[in-house]
Amino acid sequence: MSNTVTKAVEAIYNLQSNDELNEAIEAIKLKRTALARSVTRKVRVGDVVSFNGRGGQTVTGKVIKVNTKTLVVEDSQSRTRWKVTASMVTPLAIGV
């Protein structure tokens, strides 16, 4: 774990009430949403991306649809369509 993550975990352990814990959870959810949306602003239909699919295999494919927080990616080998959280993808090429 990085130093930043270690400090965040320590801060969570120091929370004293359920209300404080709920505030921390809400902050994490907001950050996760912000990360996903920042990726969807950068990725366009036709871009080539990769991500780790079920079972740990790396899937490479073309973006078919961009939603608010998710992408629909068509696997370049099997033509399977995946609905993937945008923060999980790595852009490889633009509009190939």
C-alpha atoms as a PDB file:
ATOM      1  CA  MET A   1       0.000   0.000   0.000  1.00  0.00           C
ATOM      2  CA  SER A   2       1.125   3.513  -0.702  1.00  0.00           C
ATOM      3  CA  ASN A   3       1.758   5.992   2.071  1.00  0.00           C
ATOM      4  CA  THR A   4      -1.423   7.912   1.210  1.00  0.00           C
ATOM      5  CA  VAL A   5      -3.567   4.788   1.451  1.00  0.00           C
ATOM      6  CA  THR A   6      -1.949   3.781   4.738  1.00  0.00           C
ATOM      7  CA  LYS A   7      -2.718   7.190   6.223  1.00  0.00           C
ATOM      8  CA  ALA A   8      -6.319   7.012   4.997  1.00  0.00           C
ATOM      9  CA  VAL A   9      -6.801   3.568   6.546  1.00  0.00           C
ATOM     10  CA  GLU A  10      -5.342   4.787   9.843  1.00  0.00           C
ATOM     11  CA  ALA A  11      -7.704   7.770   9.791  1.00  0.00           C
ATOM     12  CA  ILE A  12     -10.675   5.455   9.231  1.00  0.00           C
ATOM     13  CA  TYR A  13      -9.640   3.313  12.214  1.00  0.00           C
ATOM     14  CA  ASN A  14      -9.598   6.466  14.362  1.00  0.00           C
ATOM     15  CA  LEU A  15     -13.231   7.338  13.614  1.00  0.00           C
ATOM     16  CA  GLN A  16     -15.278   7.347  16.804  1.00  0.00           C
ATOM     17  CA  SER A  17     -18.897   7.140  15.689  1.00  0.00           C
ATOM     18  CA  ASN A  18     -21.134   5.597  13.105  1.00  0.00           C
ATOM     19  CA  ASP A  19     -21.928   9.072  11.731  1.00  0.00           C
ATOM     20  CA  GLU A  20     -18.234   9.760  11.104  1.00  0.00           C
ATOM     21  CA  LEU A  21     -17.878   6.392   9.394  1.00  0.00           C
ATOM     22  CA  ASN A  22     -20.897   7.138   7.170  1.00  0.00           C
ATOM     23  CA  GLU A  23     -19.325  10.478   6.181  1.00  0.00           C
ATOM     24  CA  ALA A  24     -16.085   8.698   5.236  1.00  0.00           C
ATOM     25  CA  ILE A  25     -18.020   6.145   3.163  1.00  0.00           C
ATOM     26  CA  GLU A  26     -19.897   8.926   1.364  1.00  0.00           C
ATOM     27  CA  ALA A  27     -16.589  10.686   0.589  1.00  0.00           C
ATOM     28  CA  ILE A  28     -15.184   7.457  -0.883  1.00  0.00           C
ATOM     29  CA  LYS A  29     -18.285   7.004  -3.055  1.00  0.00           C
ATOM     30  CA  LEU A  30     -18.018  10.588  -4.313  1.00  0.00           C
ATOM     31  CA  LYS A  31     -14.332  10.135  -5.158  1.00  0.00           C
ATOM     32  CA  ARG A  32     -15.054   6.873  -7.011  1.00  0.00           C
ATOM     33  CA  THR A  33     -17.777   8.620  -9.035  1.00  0.00           C
ATOM     34  CA  ALA A  34     -15.445  11.532  -9.830  1.00  0.00           C
ATOM     35  CA  LEU A  35     -12.736   9.135 -11.051  1.00  0.00           C
ATOM     36  CA  ALA A  36     -15.181   7.254 -13.269  1.00  0.00           C
ATOM     37  CA  ARG A  37     -16.589  10.439 -14.767  1.00  0.00           C
ATOM     38  CA  SER A  38     -13.130  11.850 -15.475  1.00  0.00           C
ATOM     39  CA  VAL A  39     -12.387   8.765 -17.575  1.00  0.00           C
ATOM     40  CA  THR A  40     -15.703   8.952 -19.443  1.00  0.00           C
ATOM     41  CA  ARG A  41     -14.908  12.550 -20.393  1.00  0.00           C
ATOM     42  CA  LYS A  42     -11.645  11.386 -22.012  1.00  0.00           C
ATOM     43  CA  VAL A  43     -12.903   8.252 -23.788  1.00  0.00           C
ATOM     44  CA  ARG A  44     -15.002   8.345 -26.955  1.00  0.00           C
ATOM     45  CA  VAL A  45     -16.882   5.738 -28.989  1.00  0.00           C
ATOM     46  CA  GLY A  46     -14.364   3.930 -31.189  1.00  0.00           C
ATOM     47  CA  ASP A  47     -11.420   4.256 -28.793  1.00  0.00           C
ATOM     48  CA  VAL A  48      -9.500   1.074 -27.955  1.00  0.00           C
ATOM     49  CA  VAL A  49      -9.223   0.268 -24.246  1.00  0.00           C
ATOM     50  CA  SER A  50      -8.142  -2.612 -22.037  1.00  0.00           C
ATOM     51  CA  PHE A  51      -9.244  -3.822 -18.603  1.00  0.00           C
ATOM     52  CA  ASN A  52      -8.980  -6.883 -16.378  1.00  0.00           C
ATOM     53  CA  GLY A  53     -12.028  -9.096 -16.910  1.00  0.00           C
ATOM     54  CA  ARG A  54     -13.421 -11.912 -14.838  1.00  0.00           C
ATOM     55  CA  GLY A  55     -10.844 -14.497 -13.962  1.00  0.00           C
ATOM     56  CA  GLY A  56      -8.057 -11.929 -14.239  1.00  0.00           C
ATOM     57  CA  GLN A  57      -7.661 -12.066 -18.017  1.00  0.00           C
ATOM     58  CA  THR A  58      -6.847  -8.821 -19.803  1.00  0.00           C
ATOM     59  CA  VAL A  59      -9.560  -7.823 -22.254  1.00  0.00           C
ATOM     60  CA  THR A  60      -8.843  -5.443 -25.123  1.00  0.00           C
ATOM     61  CA  GLY A  61     -11.653  -3.974 -27.147  1.00  0.00           C
ATOM     62  CA  LYS A  62     -13.367  -1.021 -28.750  1.00  0.00           C
ATOM     63  CA  VAL A  63     -15.704   1.346 -26.895  1.00  0.00           C
ATOM     64  CA  ILE A  64     -19.239   0.918 -28.262  1.00  0.00           C
ATOM     65  CA  LYS A  65     -21.107   3.221 -25.861  1.00  0.00           C
ATOM     66  CA  VAL A  66     -20.165   5.785 -23.190  1.00  0.00           C
ATOM     67  CA  ASN A  67     -22.520   6.077 -20.213  1.00  0.00           C
ATOM     68  CA  THR A  68     -22.219   8.417 -17.225  1.00  0.00           C
ATOM     69  CA  LYS A  69     -20.032   6.084 -15.143  1.00  0.00           C
ATOM     70  CA  THR A  70     -19.653   2.996 -17.345  1.00  0.00           C
ATOM     71  CA  LEU A  71     -18.479   2.027 -20.812  1.00  0.00           C
ATOM     72  CA  VAL A  72     -19.738  -0.717 -23.106  1.00  0.00           C
ATOM     73  CA  VAL A  73     -16.665  -2.381 -24.638  1.00  0.00           C
ATOM     74  CA  GLU A  74     -16.714  -4.999 -27.397  1.00  0.00           C
ATOM     75  CA  ASP A  75     -13.919  -7.552 -27.009  1.00  0.00           C
ATOM     76  CA  SER A  76     -11.773  -7.508 -30.147  1.00  0.00           C
ATOM     77  CA  GLN A  77     -11.308 -11.301 -30.134  1.00  0.00           C
ATOM     78  CA  SER A  78     -14.610 -12.836 -29.045  1.00  0.00           C
ATOM     79  CA  ARG A  79     -16.947  -9.927 -29.889  1.00  0.00           C
ATOM     80  CA  THR A  80     -18.362 -10.199 -26.348  1.00  0.00           C
ATOM     81  CA  ARG A  81     -19.759  -6.932 -24.997  1.00  0.00           C
ATOM     82  CA  TRP A  82     -18.753  -5.902 -21.505  1.00  0.00           C
ATOM     83  CA  LYS A  83     -20.273  -3.156 -19.336  1.00  0.00           C
ATOM     84  CA  VAL A  84     -17.268  -1.837 -17.425  1.00  0.00           C
ATOM     85  CA  THR A  85     -16.854   0.814 -14.758  1.00  0.00           C
ATOM     86  CA  ALA A  86     -14.943   3.595 -16.490  1.00  0.00           C
ATOM     87  CA  SER A  87     -12.268   3.851 -13.798  1.00  0.00           C
ATOM     88  CA  MET A  88     -11.238   0.239 -14.540  1.00  0.00           C
ATOM     89  CA  VAL A  89     -10.233   0.818 -18.170  1.00  0.00           C
ATOM     90  CA  THR A  90      -6.907   1.888 -19.631  1.00  0.00           C
ATOM     91  CA  PRO A  91      -7.118   3.818 -22.925  1.00  0.00           C
ATOM     92  CA  LEU A  92      -4.802   2.319 -25.570  1.00  0.00           C
ATOM     93  CA  ALA A  93      -5.626   4.089 -28.842  1.00  0.00           C
ATOM     94  CA  ILE A  94      -7.935   6.792 -30.081  1.00  0.00           C
ATOM     95  CA  GLY A  95     -10.589   5.978 -32.676  1.00  0.00           C
ATOM     96  CA  VAL A  96      -8.801   3.076 -34.308  1.00  0.00           C
END
